[in-house]
Amino acid sequence: MAKNEHTSPKAGKAASKVLRDGRTGKDSKTAAGSALSQRPDKKKK
Protein backbone atom coordinates (compact mmCIF):
# COMPACT_ATOMS: atom_id res chain seq x y z
CA MET A 1 0.00 0.00 0.00
CA ALA A 2 1.28 3.43 -0.92
CA LYS A 3 1.83 6.08 1.72
CA ASN A 4 -0.97 8.32 0.48
CA GLU A 5 -3.68 5.62 0.46
CA HIS A 6 -6.04 5.70 3.42
CA THR A 7 -9.45 4.32 4.28
CA SER A 8 -12.18 6.85 3.52
CA PRO A 9 -14.14 8.44 6.38
CA LYS A 10 -17.31 6.66 5.22
CA ALA A 11 -15.58 3.27 5.26
CA GLY A 12 -14.04 4.07 8.63
CA LYS A 13 -17.48 4.75 10.12
CA ALA A 14 -18.81 1.49 8.70
CA ALA A 15 -15.84 -0.43 10.12
CA SER A 16 -16.40 1.17 13.51
CA LYS A 17 -20.03 0.03 13.48
CA VAL A 18 -18.95 -3.53 12.68
CA LEU A 19 -16.53 -3.59 15.61
CA ARG A 20 -19.14 -2.23 18.04
CA ASP A 21 -21.84 -4.67 16.91
CA GLY A 22 -21.77 -7.84 18.99
CA ARG A 23 -23.46 -9.91 16.27
CA THR A 24 -20.65 -9.73 13.69
CA GLY A 25 -18.27 -12.60 13.09
CA LYS A 26 -14.53 -12.83 13.65
CA ASP A 27 -13.63 -12.39 9.97
CA SER A 28 -15.76 -9.24 9.72
CA LYS A 29 -14.11 -7.76 12.79
CA THR A 30 -10.66 -8.60 11.43
CA ALA A 31 -11.42 -6.79 8.17
CA ALA A 32 -12.89 -3.81 10.02
CA GLY A 33 -9.86 -3.57 12.30
CA SER A 34 -7.59 -3.63 9.27
CA ALA A 35 -9.56 -0.82 7.65
CA LEU A 36 -9.40 1.30 10.79
CA SER A 37 -5.67 0.75 11.16
CA GLN A 38 -5.23 2.38 7.73
CA ARG A 39 -7.08 5.57 8.76
CA PRO A 40 -4.89 8.68 9.04
CA ASP A 41 -4.04 9.83 12.54
CA LYS A 42 -6.32 12.41 14.12
CA LYS A 43 -4.79 15.87 14.10
CA LYS A 44 -4.25 17.38 17.52
CA LYS A 45 -5.85 20.74 18.20
PDB file of N, CA and C in Angstrom:
ATOM      1  N   MET A   1       0.840  -1.180   0.000  1.00  0.00           N
ATOM      2  CA  MET A   1       0.000   0.000   0.000  1.00  0.00           C
ATOM      3  C   MET A   1       0.882   1.239   0.000  1.00  0.00           C
ATOM      4  N   ALA A   2       0.521   2.189  -0.834  1.00  0.00           N
ATOM      5  CA  ALA A   2       1.284   3.430  -0.920  1.00  0.00           C
ATOM      6  C   ALA A   2       1.033   4.300   0.304  1.00  0.00           C
ATOM      7  N   LYS A   3       1.945   5.228   0.544  1.00  0.00           N
ATOM      8  CA  LYS A   3       1.832   6.083   1.720  1.00  0.00           C
ATOM      9  C   LYS A   3       0.574   6.949   1.707  1.00  0.00           C
ATOM     10  N   ASN A   4       0.143   7.377   0.545  1.00  0.00           N
ATOM     11  CA  ASN A   4      -0.969   8.315   0.485  1.00  0.00           C
ATOM     12  C   ASN A   4      -2.339   7.630   0.410  1.00  0.00           C
ATOM     13  N   GLU A   5      -2.398   6.321   0.512  1.00  0.00           N
ATOM     14  CA  GLU A   5      -3.678   5.618   0.464  1.00  0.00           C
ATOM     15  C   GLU A   5      -4.199   5.389   1.875  1.00  0.00           C
ATOM     16  N   HIS A   6      -5.417   5.846   2.114  1.00  0.00           N
ATOM     17  CA  HIS A   6      -6.038   5.697   3.421  1.00  0.00           C
ATOM     18  C   HIS A   6      -7.480   5.263   3.238  1.00  0.00           C
ATOM     19  N   THR A   7      -8.042   4.682   4.288  1.00  0.00           N
ATOM     20  CA  THR A   7      -9.450   4.321   4.279  1.00  0.00           C
ATOM     21  C   THR A   7     -10.279   5.598   4.342  1.00  0.00           C
ATOM     22  N   SER A   8     -11.334   5.661   3.553  1.00  0.00           N
ATOM     23  CA  SER A   8     -12.183   6.855   3.519  1.00  0.00           C
ATOM     24  C   SER A   8     -12.942   7.007   4.844  1.00  0.00           C
ATOM     25  N   PRO A   9     -13.359   8.230   5.150  1.00  0.00           N
ATOM     26  CA  PRO A   9     -14.140   8.439   6.383  1.00  0.00           C
ATOM     27  C   PRO A   9     -15.417   7.596   6.418  1.00  0.00           C
ATOM     28  N   LYS A  10     -16.077   7.448   5.279  1.00  0.00           N
ATOM     29  CA  LYS A  10     -17.314   6.659   5.224  1.00  0.00           C
ATOM     30  C   LYS A  10     -17.031   5.184   5.541  1.00  0.00           C
ATOM     31  N   ALA A  11     -15.950   4.653   4.983  1.00  0.00           N
ATOM     32  CA  ALA A  11     -15.577   3.266   5.256  1.00  0.00           C
ATOM     33  C   ALA A  11     -15.130   3.100   6.699  1.00  0.00           C
ATOM     34  N   GLY A  12     -14.469   4.115   7.236  1.00  0.00           N
ATOM     35  CA  GLY A  12     -14.044   4.065   8.630  1.00  0.00           C
ATOM     36  C   GLY A  12     -15.221   4.007   9.586  1.00  0.00           C
ATOM     37  N   LYS A  13     -16.271   4.767   9.287  1.00  0.00           N
ATOM     38  CA  LYS A  13     -17.475   4.746  10.122  1.00  0.00           C
ATOM     39  C   LYS A  13     -18.155   3.385  10.055  1.00  0.00           C
ATOM     40  N   ALA A  14     -18.199   2.803   8.856  1.00  0.00           N
ATOM     41  CA  ALA A  14     -18.807   1.485   8.699  1.00  0.00           C
ATOM     42  C   ALA A  14     -18.007   0.426   9.464  1.00  0.00           C
ATOM     43  N   ALA A  15     -16.692   0.517   9.399  1.00  0.00           N
ATOM     44  CA  ALA A  15     -15.841  -0.429  10.117  1.00  0.00           C
ATOM     45  C   ALA A  15     -16.025  -0.286  11.631  1.00  0.00           C
ATOM     46  N   SER A  16     -16.174   0.931  12.085  1.00  0.00           N
ATOM     47  CA  SER A  16     -16.397   1.172  13.510  1.00  0.00           C
ATOM     48  C   SER A  16     -17.707   0.538  13.967  1.00  0.00           C
ATOM     49  N   LYS A  17     -18.745   0.649  13.146  1.00  0.00           N
ATOM     50  CA  LYS A  17     -20.032   0.035  13.477  1.00  0.00           C
ATOM     51  C   LYS A  17     -19.902  -1.485  13.581  1.00  0.00           C
ATOM     52  N   VAL A  18     -19.138  -2.079  12.673  1.00  0.00           N
ATOM     53  CA  VAL A  18     -18.948  -3.531  12.682  1.00  0.00           C
ATOM     54  C   VAL A  18     -18.274  -3.960  13.980  1.00  0.00           C
ATOM     55  N   LEU A  19     -17.257  -3.216  14.398  1.00  0.00           N
ATOM     56  CA  LEU A  19     -16.533  -3.589  15.611  1.00  0.00           C
ATOM     57  C   LEU A  19     -17.396  -3.435  16.866  1.00  0.00           C
ATOM     58  N   ARG A  20     -18.290  -2.461  16.871  1.00  0.00           N
ATOM     59  CA  ARG A  20     -19.137  -2.232  18.039  1.00  0.00           C
ATOM     60  C   ARG A  20     -20.324  -3.185  18.099  1.00  0.00           C
ATOM     61  N   ASP A  21     -20.695  -3.772  16.960  1.00  0.00           N
ATOM     62  CA  ASP A  21     -21.841  -4.673  16.911  1.00  0.00           C
ATOM     63  C   ASP A  21     -21.424  -6.057  17.415  1.00  0.00           C
ATOM     64  N   GLY A  22     -22.109  -6.549  18.405  1.00  0.00           N
ATOM     65  CA  GLY A  22     -21.775  -7.844  18.991  1.00  0.00           C
ATOM     66  C   GLY A  22     -22.174  -9.031  18.135  1.00  0.00           C
ATOM     67  N   ARG A  23     -22.957  -8.798  17.081  1.00  0.00           N
ATOM     68  CA  ARG A  23     -23.458  -9.908  16.268  1.00  0.00           C
ATOM     69  C   ARG A  23     -22.550 -10.247  15.097  1.00  0.00           C
ATOM     70  N   THR A  24     -21.508  -9.484  14.851  1.00  0.00           N
ATOM     71  CA  THR A  24     -20.654  -9.734  13.686  1.00  0.00           C
ATOM     72  C   THR A  24     -19.625 -10.817  13.988  1.00  0.00           C
ATOM     73  N   GLY A  25     -19.189 -11.491  12.950  1.00  0.00           N
ATOM     74  CA  GLY A  25     -18.266 -12.601  13.094  1.00  0.00           C
ATOM     75  C   GLY A  25     -16.812 -12.146  13.198  1.00  0.00           C
ATOM     76  N   LYS A  26     -15.957 -13.099  13.468  1.00  0.00           N
ATOM     77  CA  LYS A  26     -14.530 -12.832  13.651  1.00  0.00           C
ATOM     78  C   LYS A  26     -13.886 -12.275  12.382  1.00  0.00           C
ATOM     79  N   ASP A  27     -14.221 -12.840  11.238  1.00  0.00           N
ATOM     80  CA  ASP A  27     -13.631 -12.387   9.972  1.00  0.00           C
ATOM     81  C   ASP A  27     -14.036 -10.940   9.660  1.00  0.00           C
ATOM     82  N   SER A  28     -15.288 -10.612   9.945  1.00  0.00           N
ATOM     83  CA  SER A  28     -15.758  -9.241   9.716  1.00  0.00           C
ATOM     84  C   SER A  28     -15.009  -8.263  10.602  1.00  0.00           C
ATOM     85  N   LYS A  29     -14.811  -8.645  11.850  1.00  0.00           N
ATOM     86  CA  LYS A  29     -14.109  -7.763  12.787  1.00  0.00           C
ATOM     87  C   LYS A  29     -12.636  -7.616  12.408  1.00  0.00           C
ATOM     88  N   THR A  30     -12.051  -8.671  11.880  1.00  0.00           N
ATOM     89  CA  THR A  30     -10.660  -8.600  11.433  1.00  0.00           C
ATOM     90  C   THR A  30     -10.526  -7.612  10.275  1.00  0.00           C
ATOM     91  N   ALA A  31     -11.448  -7.698   9.315  1.00  0.00           N
ATOM     92  CA  ALA A  31     -11.415  -6.790   8.170  1.00  0.00           C
ATOM     93  C   ALA A  31     -11.669  -5.351   8.611  1.00  0.00           C
ATOM     94  N   ALA A  32     -12.593  -5.154   9.531  1.00  0.00           N
ATOM     95  CA  ALA A  32     -12.891  -3.811  10.022  1.00  0.00           C
ATOM     96  C   ALA A  32     -11.701  -3.224  10.769  1.00  0.00           C
ATOM     97  N   GLY A  33     -11.039  -4.033  11.579  1.00  0.00           N
ATOM     98  CA  GLY A  33      -9.858  -3.570  12.298  1.00  0.00           C
ATOM     99  C   GLY A  33      -8.738  -3.186  11.351  1.00  0.00           C
ATOM    100  N   SER A  34      -8.595  -3.947  10.281  1.00  0.00           N
ATOM    101  CA  SER A  34      -7.589  -3.633   9.275  1.00  0.00           C
ATOM    102  C   SER A  34      -7.892  -2.299   8.604  1.00  0.00           C
ATOM    103  N   ALA A  35      -9.162  -2.078   8.290  1.00  0.00           N
ATOM    104  CA  ALA A  35      -9.556  -0.816   7.654  1.00  0.00           C
ATOM    105  C   ALA A  35      -9.290   0.361   8.573  1.00  0.00           C
ATOM    106  N   LEU A  36      -9.609   0.203   9.855  1.00  0.00           N
ATOM    107  CA  LEU A  36      -9.400   1.304  10.795  1.00  0.00           C
ATOM    108  C   LEU A  36      -7.913   1.570  11.046  1.00  0.00           C
ATOM    109  N   SER A  37      -7.107   0.544  10.951  1.00  0.00           N
ATOM    110  CA  SER A  37      -5.673   0.754  11.164  1.00  0.00           C
ATOM    111  C   SER A  37      -5.046   1.547  10.021  1.00  0.00           C
ATOM    112  N   GLN A  38      -5.743   1.622   8.879  1.00  0.00           N
ATOM    113  CA  GLN A  38      -5.228   2.379   7.735  1.00  0.00           C
ATOM    114  C   GLN A  38      -5.759   3.809   7.693  1.00  0.00           C
ATOM    115  N   ARG A  39      -6.555   4.206   8.689  1.00  0.00           N
ATOM    116  CA  ARG A  39      -7.075   5.567   8.764  1.00  0.00           C
ATOM    117  C   ARG A  39      -5.931   6.500   9.154  1.00  0.00           C
ATOM    118  N   PRO A  40      -5.925   7.716   8.629  1.00  0.00           N
ATOM    119  CA  PRO A  40      -4.890   8.677   9.038  1.00  0.00           C
ATOM    120  C   PRO A  40      -5.064   9.053  10.502  1.00  0.00           C
ATOM    121  N   ASP A  41      -3.984   9.416  11.146  1.00  0.00           N
ATOM    122  CA  ASP A  41      -4.038   9.826  12.544  1.00  0.00           C
ATOM    123  C   ASP A  41      -4.874  11.079  12.699  1.00  0.00           C
ATOM    124  N   LYS A  42      -5.552  11.187  13.847  1.00  0.00           N
ATOM    125  CA  LYS A  42      -6.317  12.410  14.121  1.00  0.00           C
ATOM    126  C   LYS A  42      -5.348  13.533  14.401  1.00  0.00           C
ATOM    127  N   LYS A  43      -5.646  14.699  13.878  1.00  0.00           N
ATOM    128  CA  LYS A  43      -4.793  15.868  14.103  1.00  0.00           C
ATOM    129  C   LYS A  43      -5.096  16.440  15.471  1.00  0.00           C
ATOM    130  N   LYS A  44      -4.055  16.790  16.205  1.00  0.00           N
ATOM    131  CA  LYS A  44      -4.249  17.378  17.522  1.00  0.00           C
ATOM    132  C   LYS A  44      -4.593  18.850  17.363  1.00  0.00           C
ATOM    133  N   LYS A  45      -5.440  19.328  18.258  1.00  0.00           N
ATOM    134  CA  LYS A  45      -5.851  20.743  18.196  1.00  0.00           C
ATOM    135  C   LYS A  45      -4.813  21.653  18.765  1.00  0.00           C
TER     136      LYS A  45
END
